[in-house]
C-alpha atoms as a PDB file:
ATOM      1  CA  UNK A   1      -1.184  15.801  -6.996  1.00  0.00           C
ATOM      2  CA  UNK A   2      -1.383  12.020  -6.559  1.00  0.00           C
ATOM      3  CA  UNK A   3      -3.259   9.790  -4.150  1.00  0.00           C
ATOM      4  CA  UNK A   4      -0.575   7.602  -2.622  1.00  0.00           C
ATOM      5  CA  UNK A   5       1.564   7.307   0.483  1.00  0.00           C
ATOM      6  CA  UNK A   6       4.123   9.969  -0.484  1.00  0.00           C
ATOM      7  CA  UNK A   7       1.341  12.426  -1.273  1.00  0.00           C
ATOM      8  CA  UNK A   8      -0.168  11.904   2.167  1.00  0.00           C
ATOM      9  CA  UNK A   9       3.192  12.463   3.856  1.00  0.00           C
ATOM     10  CA  UNK A  10       3.637  15.700   1.923  1.00  0.00           C
ATOM     11  CA  UNK A  11       0.101  16.809   2.786  1.00  0.00           C
ATOM     12  CA  UNK A  12       0.689  16.078   6.476  1.00  0.00           C
ATOM     13  CA  UNK A  13       3.962  17.995   6.478  1.00  0.00           C
ATOM     14  CA  UNK A  14       2.331  21.083   4.960  1.00  0.00           C
ATOM     15  CA  UNK A  15      -0.789  20.784   7.111  1.00  0.00           C
ATOM     16  CA  UNK A  16       1.344  20.606  10.282  1.00  0.00           C
ATOM     17  CA  UNK A  17       2.689  24.041   9.320  1.00  0.00           C
ATOM     18  CA  UNK A  18      -0.833  25.524   9.114  1.00  0.00           C
ATOM     19  CA  UNK A  19      -0.887  25.458   5.306  1.00  0.00           C
ATOM     20  CA  UNK A  20      -4.225  24.659   3.633  1.00  0.00           C
ATOM     21  CA  UNK A  21      -3.886  21.493   1.551  1.00  0.00           C
ATOM     22  CA  UNK A  22      -5.911  19.957  -1.258  1.00  0.00           C
ATOM     23  CA  UNK A  23      -5.162  16.463  -2.590  1.00  0.00           C
ATOM     24  CA  UNK A  24      -6.088  15.921  -6.253  1.00  0.00           C
ATOM     25  CA  UNK A  25      -6.714  12.338  -7.385  1.00  0.00           C
ATOM     26  CA  UNK A  26      -7.893  10.635 -10.584  1.00  0.00           C
ATOM     27  CA  UNK A  27      -9.864   7.971  -8.726  1.00  0.00           C
ATOM     28  CA  UNK A  28     -13.312   8.383  -7.130  1.00  0.00           C
ATOM     29  CA  UNK A  29     -11.842   7.604  -3.684  1.00  0.00           C
ATOM     30  CA  UNK A  30      -8.410   7.989  -2.130  1.00  0.00           C
ATOM     31  CA  UNK A  31      -6.056   5.110  -3.071  1.00  0.00           C
ATOM     32  CA  UNK A  32      -8.924   3.065  -4.538  1.00  0.00           C
ATOM     33  CA  UNK A  33      -6.386   1.733  -7.046  1.00  0.00           C
ATOM     34  CA  UNK A  34      -4.983  -0.267  -4.099  1.00  0.00           C
ATOM     35  CA  UNK A  35      -7.700  -0.464  -1.440  1.00  0.00           C
ATOM     36  CA  UNK A  36     -11.265  -1.813  -1.585  1.00  0.00           C
ATOM     37  CA  UNK A  37     -13.752   1.056  -1.697  1.00  0.00           C
ATOM     38  CA  UNK A  38     -14.806   0.489   1.940  1.00  0.00           C
ATOM     39  CA  UNK A  39     -11.200   0.960   3.071  1.00  0.00           C
ATOM     40  CA  UNK A  40     -10.553   3.856   0.701  1.00  0.00           C
ATOM     41  CA  UNK A  41     -13.623   5.659   2.050  1.00  0.00           C
ATOM     42  CA  UNK A  42     -12.444   5.146   5.637  1.00  0.00           C
ATOM     43  CA  UNK A  43      -9.021   6.641   4.826  1.00  0.00           C
ATOM     44  CA  UNK A  44     -10.504   9.524   2.838  1.00  0.00           C
ATOM     45  CA  UNK A  45     -12.883  10.368   5.678  1.00  0.00           C
ATOM     46  CA  UNK A  46      -9.916  10.381   8.049  1.00  0.00           C
ATOM     47  CA  UNK A  47      -7.938  12.751   5.855  1.00  0.00           C
ATOM     48  CA  UNK A  48     -10.899  15.104   5.546  1.00  0.00           C
ATOM     49  CA  UNK A  49     -11.470  14.980   9.305  1.00  0.00           C
ATOM     50  CA  UNK A  50      -7.939  16.326   9.677  1.00  0.00           C
ATOM     51  CA  UNK A  51      -8.753  19.310   7.458  1.00  0.00           C
ATOM     52  CA  UNK A  52      -7.384  18.099   4.114  1.00  0.00           C
ATOM     53  CA  UNK A  53      -9.719  18.480   1.133  1.00  0.00           C
ATOM     54  CA  UNK A  54      -9.698  15.520  -1.283  1.00  0.00           C
ATOM     55  CA  UNK A  55     -10.783  16.403  -4.824  1.00  0.00           C
ATOM     56  CA  UNK A  56     -11.517  13.209  -6.729  1.00  0.00           C
ATOM     57  CA  UNK A  57     -12.121  12.291 -10.384  1.00  0.00           C
ATOM     58  CA  UNK A  58      -9.808  15.015 -11.605  1.00  0.00           C
ATOM     59  CA  UNK A  59      -6.428  15.608 -13.228  1.00  0.00           C
ATOM     60  CA  UNK A  60      -4.151  18.616 -13.608  1.00  0.00           C
ATOM     61  CA  UNK A  61      -4.097  19.874 -17.193  1.00  0.00           C
ATOM     62  CA  UNK A  62      -1.498  22.516 -16.578  1.00  0.00           C
ATOM     63  CA  UNK A  63       0.229  24.867 -14.177  1.00  0.00           C
ATOM     64  CA  UNK A  64      -0.638  28.564 -13.988  1.00  0.00           C
ATOM     65  CA  UNK A  65       1.819  31.369 -13.368  1.00  0.00           C
ATOM     66  CA  UNK A  66       1.785  35.184 -13.195  1.00  0.00           C
ATOM     67  CA  UNK A  67       5.413  35.822 -14.040  1.00  0.00           C
ATOM     68  CA  UNK A  68       6.632  32.608 -15.745  1.00  0.00           C
ATOM     69  CA  UNK A  69       8.803  31.796 -12.729  1.00  0.00           C
ATOM     70  CA  UNK A  70       6.485  30.899  -9.860  1.00  0.00           C
ATOM     71  CA  UNK A  71       3.340  28.776  -9.847  1.00  0.00           C
ATOM     72  CA  UNK A  72       0.087  30.610  -9.093  1.00  0.00           C
ATOM     73  CA  UNK A  73      -2.365  27.771  -9.540  1.00  0.00           C
ATOM     74  CA  UNK A  74      -3.453  24.768 -11.598  1.00  0.00           C
ATOM     75  CA  UNK A  75      -6.013  24.113 -14.319  1.00  0.00           C
ATOM     76  CA  UNK A  76      -8.028  20.931 -13.863  1.00  0.00           C
ATOM     77  CA  UNK A  77      -9.484  18.483 -16.374  1.00  0.00           C
ATOM     78  CA  UNK A  78     -12.940  20.121 -16.124  1.00  0.00           C
ATOM     79  CA  UNK A  79     -11.306  23.493 -17.019  1.00  0.00           C
ATOM     80  CA  UNK A  80     -11.766  24.848 -13.498  1.00  0.00           C
ATOM     81  CA  UNK A  81      -8.856  26.543 -11.764  1.00  0.00           C
ATOM     82  CA  UNK A  82      -7.382  26.415  -8.284  1.00  0.00           C
ATOM     83  CA  UNK A  83      -5.061  29.013  -6.808  1.00  0.00           C
ATOM     84  CA  UNK A  84      -1.867  27.596  -5.336  1.00  0.00           C
ATOM     85  CA  UNK A  85       1.491  28.787  -4.084  1.00  0.00           C
ATOM     86  CA  UNK A  86       3.011  25.310  -4.170  1.00  0.00           C
ATOM     87  CA  UNK A  87       2.240  22.121  -6.111  1.00  0.00           C
ATOM     88  CA  UNK A  88       3.606  18.777  -4.957  1.00  0.00           C
ATOM     89  CA  UNK A  89       3.751  16.091  -7.645  1.00  0.00           C
ATOM     90  CA  UNK A  90       3.680  12.638  -6.041  1.00  0.00           C
ATOM     91  CA  UNK A  91       2.465  10.273  -8.744  1.00  0.00           C
ATOM     92  CA  UNK A  92       4.507   7.198  -7.945  1.00  0.00           C
ATOM     93  CA  UNK A  93       7.994   5.758  -7.783  1.00  0.00           C
ATOM     94  CA  UNK A  94       9.981   5.307 -10.972  1.00  0.00           C
ATOM     95  CA  UNK A  95      13.536   3.935 -10.802  1.00  0.00           C
ATOM     96  CA  UNK A  96      16.165   6.352 -12.091  1.00  0.00           C
ATOM     97  CA  UNK A  97      18.090   3.972 -14.342  1.00  0.00           C
ATOM     98  CA  UNK A  98      18.738   6.208 -17.356  1.00  0.00           C
ATOM     99  CA  UNK A  99      22.445   6.362 -16.460  1.00  0.00           C
ATOM    100  CA  UNK A 100      22.641   2.622 -17.251  1.00  0.00           C
ATOM    101  CA  UNK A 101      21.632   3.023 -20.895  1.00  0.00           C
ATOM    102  CA  UNK A 102      25.171   2.327 -22.174  1.00  0.00           C
ATOM    103  CA  UNK A 103      26.061  -0.179 -19.429  1.00  0.00           C
ATOM    104  CA  UNK A 104      24.893  -3.293 -21.250  1.00  0.00           C
ATOM    105  CA  UNK A 105      22.687  -4.331 -18.329  1.00  0.00           C
ATOM    106  CA  UNK A 106      19.219  -5.531 -19.282  1.00  0.00           C
ATOM    107  CA  UNK A 107      16.489  -3.230 -18.007  1.00  0.00           C
ATOM    108  CA  UNK A 108      12.746  -2.788 -18.245  1.00  0.00           C
ATOM    109  CA  UNK A 109      11.003  -0.534 -15.727  1.00  0.00           C
ATOM    110  CA  UNK A 110      13.866  -1.408 -13.401  1.00  0.00           C
ATOM    111  CA  UNK A 111      17.070  -3.420 -13.567  1.00  0.00           C
ATOM    112  CA  UNK A 112      16.167  -7.012 -14.411  1.00  0.00           C
ATOM    113  CA  UNK A 113      17.391  -9.585 -11.905  1.00  0.00           C
ATOM    114  CA  UNK A 114      17.070 -13.357 -11.475  1.00  0.00           C
ATOM    115  CA  UNK A 115      16.131 -15.280  -8.318  1.00  0.00           C
ATOM    116  CA  UNK A 116      19.624 -14.652  -6.912  1.00  0.00           C
ATOM    117  CA  UNK A 117      19.197 -10.912  -7.580  1.00  0.00           C
ATOM    118  CA  UNK A 118      21.880 -11.061 -10.283  1.00  0.00           C
ATOM    119  CA  UNK A 119      21.636  -8.724 -13.256  1.00  0.00           C
ATOM    120  CA  UNK A 120      22.418  -9.802 -16.809  1.00  0.00           C
ATOM    121  CA  UNK A 121      26.056  -9.374 -15.752  1.00  0.00           C
ATOM    122  CA  UNK A 122      26.522 -12.166 -13.177  1.00  0.00           C
ATOM    123  CA  UNK A 123      29.106 -10.122 -11.265  1.00  0.00           C
ATOM    124  CA  UNK A 124      26.590  -7.317 -10.613  1.00  0.00           C
ATOM    125  CA  UNK A 125      23.593  -7.522  -8.273  1.00  0.00           C
ATOM    126  CA  UNK A 126      20.673  -5.149  -7.763  1.00  0.00           C
ATOM    127  CA  UNK A 127      18.217  -4.863  -4.880  1.00  0.00           C
ATOM    128  CA  UNK A 128      15.609  -2.413  -3.639  1.00  0.00           C
ATOM    129  CA  UNK A 129      13.441   0.039  -5.573  1.00  0.00           C
ATOM    130  CA  UNK A 130      15.419  -0.413  -8.803  1.00  0.00           C
ATOM    131  CA  UNK A 131      15.340  -4.248  -8.909  1.00  0.00           C
ATOM    132  CA  UNK A 132      12.747  -5.882 -11.181  1.00  0.00           C
ATOM    133  CA  UNK A 133      12.323  -9.657 -10.948  1.00  0.00           C
ATOM    134  CA  UNK A 134      12.392 -11.599 -14.197  1.00  0.00           C
ATOM    135  CA  UNK A 135      10.068 -14.154 -12.623  1.00  0.00           C
ATOM    136  CA  UNK A 136       7.723 -12.985  -9.892  1.00  0.00           C
ATOM    137  CA  UNK A 137       4.682 -14.285  -8.049  1.00  0.00           C
ATOM    138  CA  UNK A 138       1.708 -13.812 -10.429  1.00  0.00           C
ATOM    139  CA  UNK A 139      -0.155 -12.060  -7.607  1.00  0.00           C
ATOM    140  CA  UNK A 140       2.712  -9.643  -6.999  1.00  0.00           C
ATOM    141  CA  UNK A 141       4.466  -6.938  -8.954  1.00  0.00           C
ATOM    142  CA  UNK A 142       7.858  -7.656 -10.441  1.00  0.00           C
ATOM    143  CA  UNK A 143       9.098  -4.320  -9.109  1.00  0.00           C
ATOM    144  CA  UNK A 144       8.000  -3.440  -5.559  1.00  0.00           C
ATOM    145  CA  UNK A 145       9.270  -0.106  -4.284  1.00  0.00           C
ATOM    146  CA  UNK A 146       8.756  -0.511  -0.527  1.00  0.00           C
ATOM    147  CA  UNK A 147      11.446  -0.697   2.119  1.00  0.00           C
ATOM    148  CA  UNK A 148      10.279  -4.057   3.512  1.00  0.00           C
ATOM    149  CA  UNK A 149      11.045  -5.641   0.147  1.00  0.00           C
ATOM    150  CA  UNK A 150      14.453  -3.940   0.006  1.00  0.00           C
ATOM    151  CA  UNK A 151      15.301  -5.244   3.490  1.00  0.00           C
ATOM    152  CA  UNK A 152      14.278  -8.773   2.550  1.00  0.00           C
ATOM    153  CA  UNK A 153      16.312  -8.579  -0.662  1.00  0.00           C
ATOM    154  CA  UNK A 154      19.337  -7.407   1.347  1.00  0.00           C
ATOM    155  CA  UNK A 155      18.995 -10.395   3.696  1.00  0.00           C
ATOM    156  CA  UNK A 156      18.710 -12.812   0.751  1.00  0.00           C
ATOM    157  CA  UNK A 157      21.691 -11.309  -1.088  1.00  0.00           C
ATOM    158  CA  UNK A 158      23.840 -11.395   2.061  1.00  0.00           C
ATOM    159  CA  UNK A 159      23.021 -15.090   2.473  1.00  0.00           C
ATOM    160  CA  UNK A 160      23.817 -15.730  -1.173  1.00  0.00           C
ATOM    161  CA  UNK A 161      27.191 -13.955  -1.081  1.00  0.00           C
ATOM    162  CA  UNK A 162      28.316 -15.439   2.227  1.00  0.00           C
ATOM    163  CA  UNK A 163      26.971 -19.001   2.178  1.00  0.00           C
ATOM    164  CA  UNK A 164      26.476 -19.766  -1.494  1.00  0.00           C
ATOM    165  CA  UNK A 165      23.430 -20.150  -3.687  1.00  0.00           C
ATOM    166  CA  UNK A 166      20.359 -18.710  -1.998  1.00  0.00           C
ATOM    167  CA  UNK A 167      17.216 -17.664  -3.863  1.00  0.00           C
ATOM    168  CA  UNK A 168      15.131 -14.601  -3.027  1.00  0.00           C
ATOM    169  CA  UNK A 169      11.559 -15.527  -2.100  1.00  0.00           C
ATOM    170  CA  UNK A 170       8.959 -12.771  -2.285  1.00  0.00           C
ATOM    171  CA  UNK A 171       6.980 -14.449   0.467  1.00  0.00           C
ATOM    172  CA  UNK A 172       3.706 -12.971   1.628  1.00  0.00           C
ATOM    173  CA  UNK A 173       2.964  -9.347   0.816  1.00  0.00           C
ATOM    174  CA  UNK A 174       3.320  -7.029   3.798  1.00  0.00           C
ATOM    175  CA  UNK A 175       3.298  -3.268   4.111  1.00  0.00           C
ATOM    176  CA  UNK A 176       2.554  -0.603   6.675  1.00  0.00           C
ATOM    177  CA  UNK A 177       2.129   3.154   6.631  1.00  0.00           C
ATOM    178  CA  UNK A 178       0.358   6.031   8.340  1.00  0.00           C
ATOM    179  CA  UNK A 179      -2.323   8.348   6.963  1.00  0.00           C
ATOM    180  CA  UNK A 180      -1.686  11.241   9.342  1.00  0.00           C
ATOM    181  CA  UNK A 181      -2.281   9.440  12.691  1.00  0.00           C
ATOM    182  CA  UNK A 182      -4.212   6.495  11.215  1.00  0.00           C
ATOM    183  CA  UNK A 183      -1.950   3.439  11.196  1.00  0.00           C
ATOM    184  CA  UNK A 184      -2.298   1.012   8.279  1.00  0.00           C
ATOM    185  CA  UNK A 185      -1.087  -2.582   7.954  1.00  0.00           C
ATOM    186  CA  UNK A 186      -1.693  -5.163   5.241  1.00  0.00           C
ATOM    187  CA  UNK A 187      -0.765  -8.856   5.085  1.00  0.00           C
ATOM    188  CA  UNK A 188      -1.430 -11.195   2.180  1.00  0.00           C
ATOM    189  CA  UNK A 189      -3.682 -10.153  -0.680  1.00  0.00           C
ATOM    190  CA  UNK A 190      -6.786  -7.951  -0.446  1.00  0.00           C
ATOM    191  CA  UNK A 191      -7.905  -6.891  -3.932  1.00  0.00           C
ATOM    192  CA  UNK A 192      -9.250  -3.454  -4.665  1.00  0.00           C
ATOM    193  CA  UNK A 193     -12.886  -3.246  -5.788  1.00  0.00           C
ATOM    194  CA  UNK A 194     -12.129  -3.078  -9.523  1.00  0.00           C
ATOM    195  CA  UNK A 195      -9.833  -6.147  -9.513  1.00  0.00           C
ATOM    196  CA  UNK A 196     -11.726  -8.245  -7.012  1.00  0.00           C
ATOM    197  CA  UNK A 197     -13.050 -11.506  -8.475  1.00  0.00           C
ATOM    198  CA  UNK A 198     -16.373 -13.108  -7.578  1.00  0.00           C
ATOM    199  CA  UNK A 199     -14.461 -15.863  -5.785  1.00  0.00           C
ATOM    200  CA  UNK A 200     -12.932 -13.338  -3.340  1.00  0.00           C
ATOM    201  CA  UNK A 201     -15.165 -12.450  -0.412  1.00  0.00           C
ATOM    202  CA  UNK A 202     -14.539  -9.436   1.815  1.00  0.00           C
ATOM    203  CA  UNK A 203     -15.650  -8.892   5.382  1.00  0.00           C
ATOM    204  CA  UNK A 204     -15.346  -5.252   6.424  1.00  0.00           C
ATOM    205  CA  UNK A 205     -15.828  -3.841   9.893  1.00  0.00           C
ATOM    206  CA  UNK A 206     -15.360  -0.347  11.245  1.00  0.00           C
ATOM    207  CA  UNK A 207     -16.339   1.366  14.463  1.00  0.00           C
ATOM    208  CA  UNK A 208     -19.129   3.998  14.427  1.00  0.00           C
ATOM    209  CA  UNK A 209     -16.705   6.930  14.133  1.00  0.00           C
ATOM    210  CA  UNK A 210     -14.731   5.219  11.343  1.00  0.00           C
ATOM    211  CA  UNK A 211     -11.473   5.677  13.250  1.00  0.00           C
ATOM    212  CA  UNK A 212     -10.808   1.909  13.329  1.00  0.00           C
ATOM    213  CA  UNK A 213     -11.341  -0.580  10.540  1.00  0.00           C
ATOM    214  CA  UNK A 214     -10.521  -4.087   9.359  1.00  0.00           C
ATOM    215  CA  UNK A 215     -11.077  -5.901   6.058  1.00  0.00           C
ATOM    216  CA  UNK A 216     -10.528  -9.654   5.783  1.00  0.00           C
ATOM    217  CA  UNK A 217     -10.353 -11.361   2.372  1.00  0.00           C
ATOM    218  CA  UNK A 218     -11.036 -15.052   1.767  1.00  0.00           C
ATOM    219  CA  UNK A 219     -12.145 -17.449  -0.948  1.00  0.00           C
ATOM    220  CA  UNK A 220     -15.902 -17.991  -1.053  1.00  0.00           C
ATOM    221  CA  UNK A 221     -16.058 -21.764  -1.519  1.00  0.00           C
ATOM    222  CA  UNK A 222     -12.866 -23.029   0.127  1.00  0.00           C
ATOM    223  CA  UNK A 223     -12.960 -20.293   2.822  1.00  0.00           C
ATOM    224  CA  UNK A 224      -9.163 -19.990   2.414  1.00  0.00           C
ATOM    225  CA  UNK A 225      -7.870 -16.872   4.164  1.00  0.00           C
ATOM    226  CA  UNK A 226      -6.235 -14.493   1.661  1.00  0.00           C
ATOM    227  CA  UNK A 227      -5.278 -11.343   3.500  1.00  0.00           C
ATOM    228  CA  UNK A 228      -6.139  -8.450   5.783  1.00  0.00           C
ATOM    229  CA  UNK A 229      -6.137  -4.640   5.794  1.00  0.00           C
ATOM    230  CA  UNK A 230      -6.097  -3.014   9.227  1.00  0.00           C
ATOM    231  CA  UNK A 231      -6.633   0.663  10.077  1.00  0.00           C
ATOM    232  CA  UNK A 232      -6.021   1.979  13.572  1.00  0.00           C
ATOM    233  CA  UNK A 233      -5.671  -1.581  14.906  1.00  0.00           C
ATOM    234  CA  UNK A 234      -2.191  -3.035  15.357  1.00  0.00           C
ATOM    235  CA  UNK A 235      -1.710  -6.659  14.374  1.00  0.00           C
ATOM    236  CA  UNK A 236       1.188  -9.099  14.797  1.00  0.00           C
ATOM    237  CA  UNK A 237       2.949  -9.926  11.538  1.00  0.00           C
ATOM    238  CA  UNK A 238       4.012 -13.328  12.890  1.00  0.00           C
ATOM    239  CA  UNK A 239       0.389 -14.410  13.424  1.00  0.00           C
ATOM    240  CA  UNK A 240      -0.660 -13.576   9.870  1.00  0.00           C
ATOM    241  CA  UNK A 241       2.511 -15.064   8.399  1.00  0.00           C
ATOM    242  CA  UNK A 242       1.631 -18.296  10.237  1.00  0.00           C
ATOM    243  CA  UNK A 243      -1.960 -18.367   8.962  1.00  0.00           C
ATOM    244  CA  UNK A 244      -0.873 -17.643   5.407  1.00  0.00           C
ATOM    245  CA  UNK A 245       1.888 -20.275   5.566  1.00  0.00           C
ATOM    246  CA  UNK A 246      -0.592 -22.847   6.896  1.00  0.00           C
ATOM    247  CA  UNK A 247      -3.276 -21.948   4.306  1.00  0.00           C
ATOM    248  CA  UNK A 248      -5.636 -21.355   7.232  1.00  0.00           C
ATOM    249  CA  UNK A 249      -9.357 -20.835   6.774  1.00  0.00           C
ATOM    250  CA  UNK A 250     -11.080 -17.562   7.518  1.00  0.00           C
ATOM    251  CA  UNK A 251     -12.865 -19.378  10.343  1.00  0.00           C
ATOM    252  CA  UNK A 252      -9.536 -20.217  11.981  1.00  0.00           C
ATOM    253  CA  UNK A 253      -8.374 -16.611  11.661  1.00  0.00           C
ATOM    254  CA  UNK A 254     -11.596 -15.323  13.245  1.00  0.00           C
ATOM    255  CA  UNK A 255     -11.405 -17.888  16.036  1.00  0.00           C
ATOM    256  CA  UNK A 256      -7.754 -17.077  16.842  1.00  0.00           C
ATOM    257  CA  UNK A 257      -7.832 -13.369  15.977  1.00  0.00           C
ATOM    258  CA  UNK A 258      -7.069 -12.285  19.531  1.00  0.00           C
ATOM    259  CA  UNK A 259      -3.602 -13.886  19.246  1.00  0.00           C
ATOM    260  CA  UNK A 260      -2.782 -11.302  16.568  1.00  0.00           C
ATOM    261  CA  UNK A 261      -3.843  -8.333  18.713  1.00  0.00           C
ATOM    262  CA  UNK A 262      -0.881  -6.002  19.236  1.00  0.00           C
ATOM    263  CA  UNK A 263      -2.276  -2.658  20.398  1.00  0.00           C
ATOM    264  CA  UNK A 264      -0.612  -0.745  23.179  1.00  0.00           C
ATOM    265  CA  UNK A 265      -1.282  -1.653  26.816  1.00  0.00           C
ATOM    266  CA  UNK A 266      -4.677  -0.557  28.162  1.00  0.00           C
ATOM    267  CA  UNK A 267      -5.981   0.260  24.662  1.00  0.00           C
ATOM    268  CA  UNK A 268      -9.353  -1.116  23.634  1.00  0.00           C
ATOM    269  CA  UNK A 269      -9.394  -4.615  22.140  1.00  0.00           C
ATOM    270  CA  UNK A 270     -11.885  -4.873  19.279  1.00  0.00           C
ATOM    271  CA  UNK A 271     -11.516  -8.626  18.806  1.00  0.00           C
ATOM    272  CA  UNK A 272     -14.872  -9.565  20.332  1.00  0.00           C
ATOM    273  CA  UNK A 273     -16.716  -6.933  18.285  1.00  0.00           C
ATOM    274  CA  UNK A 274     -15.020  -8.143  15.103  1.00  0.00           C
ATOM    275  CA  UNK A 275     -15.796 -11.798  15.816  1.00  0.00           C
ATOM    276  CA  UNK A 276     -19.439 -11.031  16.666  1.00  0.00           C
ATOM    277  CA  UNK A 277     -19.869  -8.949  13.501  1.00  0.00           C
ATOM    278  CA  UNK A 278     -18.335 -11.654  11.324  1.00  0.00           C
ATOM    279  CA  UNK A 279     -20.399 -14.473  12.824  1.00  0.00           C
ATOM    280  CA  UNK A 280     -23.564 -12.381  12.601  1.00  0.00           C
ATOM    281  CA  UNK A 281     -22.988 -11.874   8.864  1.00  0.00           C
ATOM    282  CA  UNK A 282     -21.847 -15.444   8.174  1.00  0.00           C
ATOM    283  CA  UNK A 283     -24.177 -17.593  10.268  1.00  0.00           C
END
């Protein structure tokens, strides 16, 4: 239950033990609340190719049981029923901060912190999944529960405590994960289909078997590069950090894309195919 990264990890763990798995999601495609539909379809196809059934546009109304102690199935929003011996609920991360109710610290979804990661009590700091920025990048969430953010916060707080005033900078969004054996990386901002504005153009490429894919986002008129999603293709973070820092154009990224190639030795390089496909669609 839930179409996110934790749900996939749970599904993979069960599937590796020869247990039949179904993933139930509200959205029409897997993780389409985060990914553009082209990317979400690629990931969903990959999951299904590994033997996991994805049931979309549904919700669990309730749990079924024979003896009031063990689950026997679930009832879905269309009143249909599925038998089950185990139900995993993976519907997102929520900071456990209820124990701070009487602490006097200001909280919202998480513990509110300033640019120095200080709470409302200046002698107390908070970082990681529980830390919610009072002022965040308008394109980013104030509370980001990923380990890359926690690591960056830890570096910033260490600098602040050791060397004096040092502000935490969210920087460019970066994340990585695996959907079974399909590696995923994202740098910058690539909007999902429902939030994508007319000014944001997407170029999507995938190989015929849909085992490799890349989506590049850029502004239509200025051609400013915005971000990338990569599936099954390893990319260098330093290259994309450089292009984002320099406000590079999509044309520069395409021209220099091979410098970001980071696949293992002797693996196929898809750079030429990507460049040809982009130029063919943008000539």
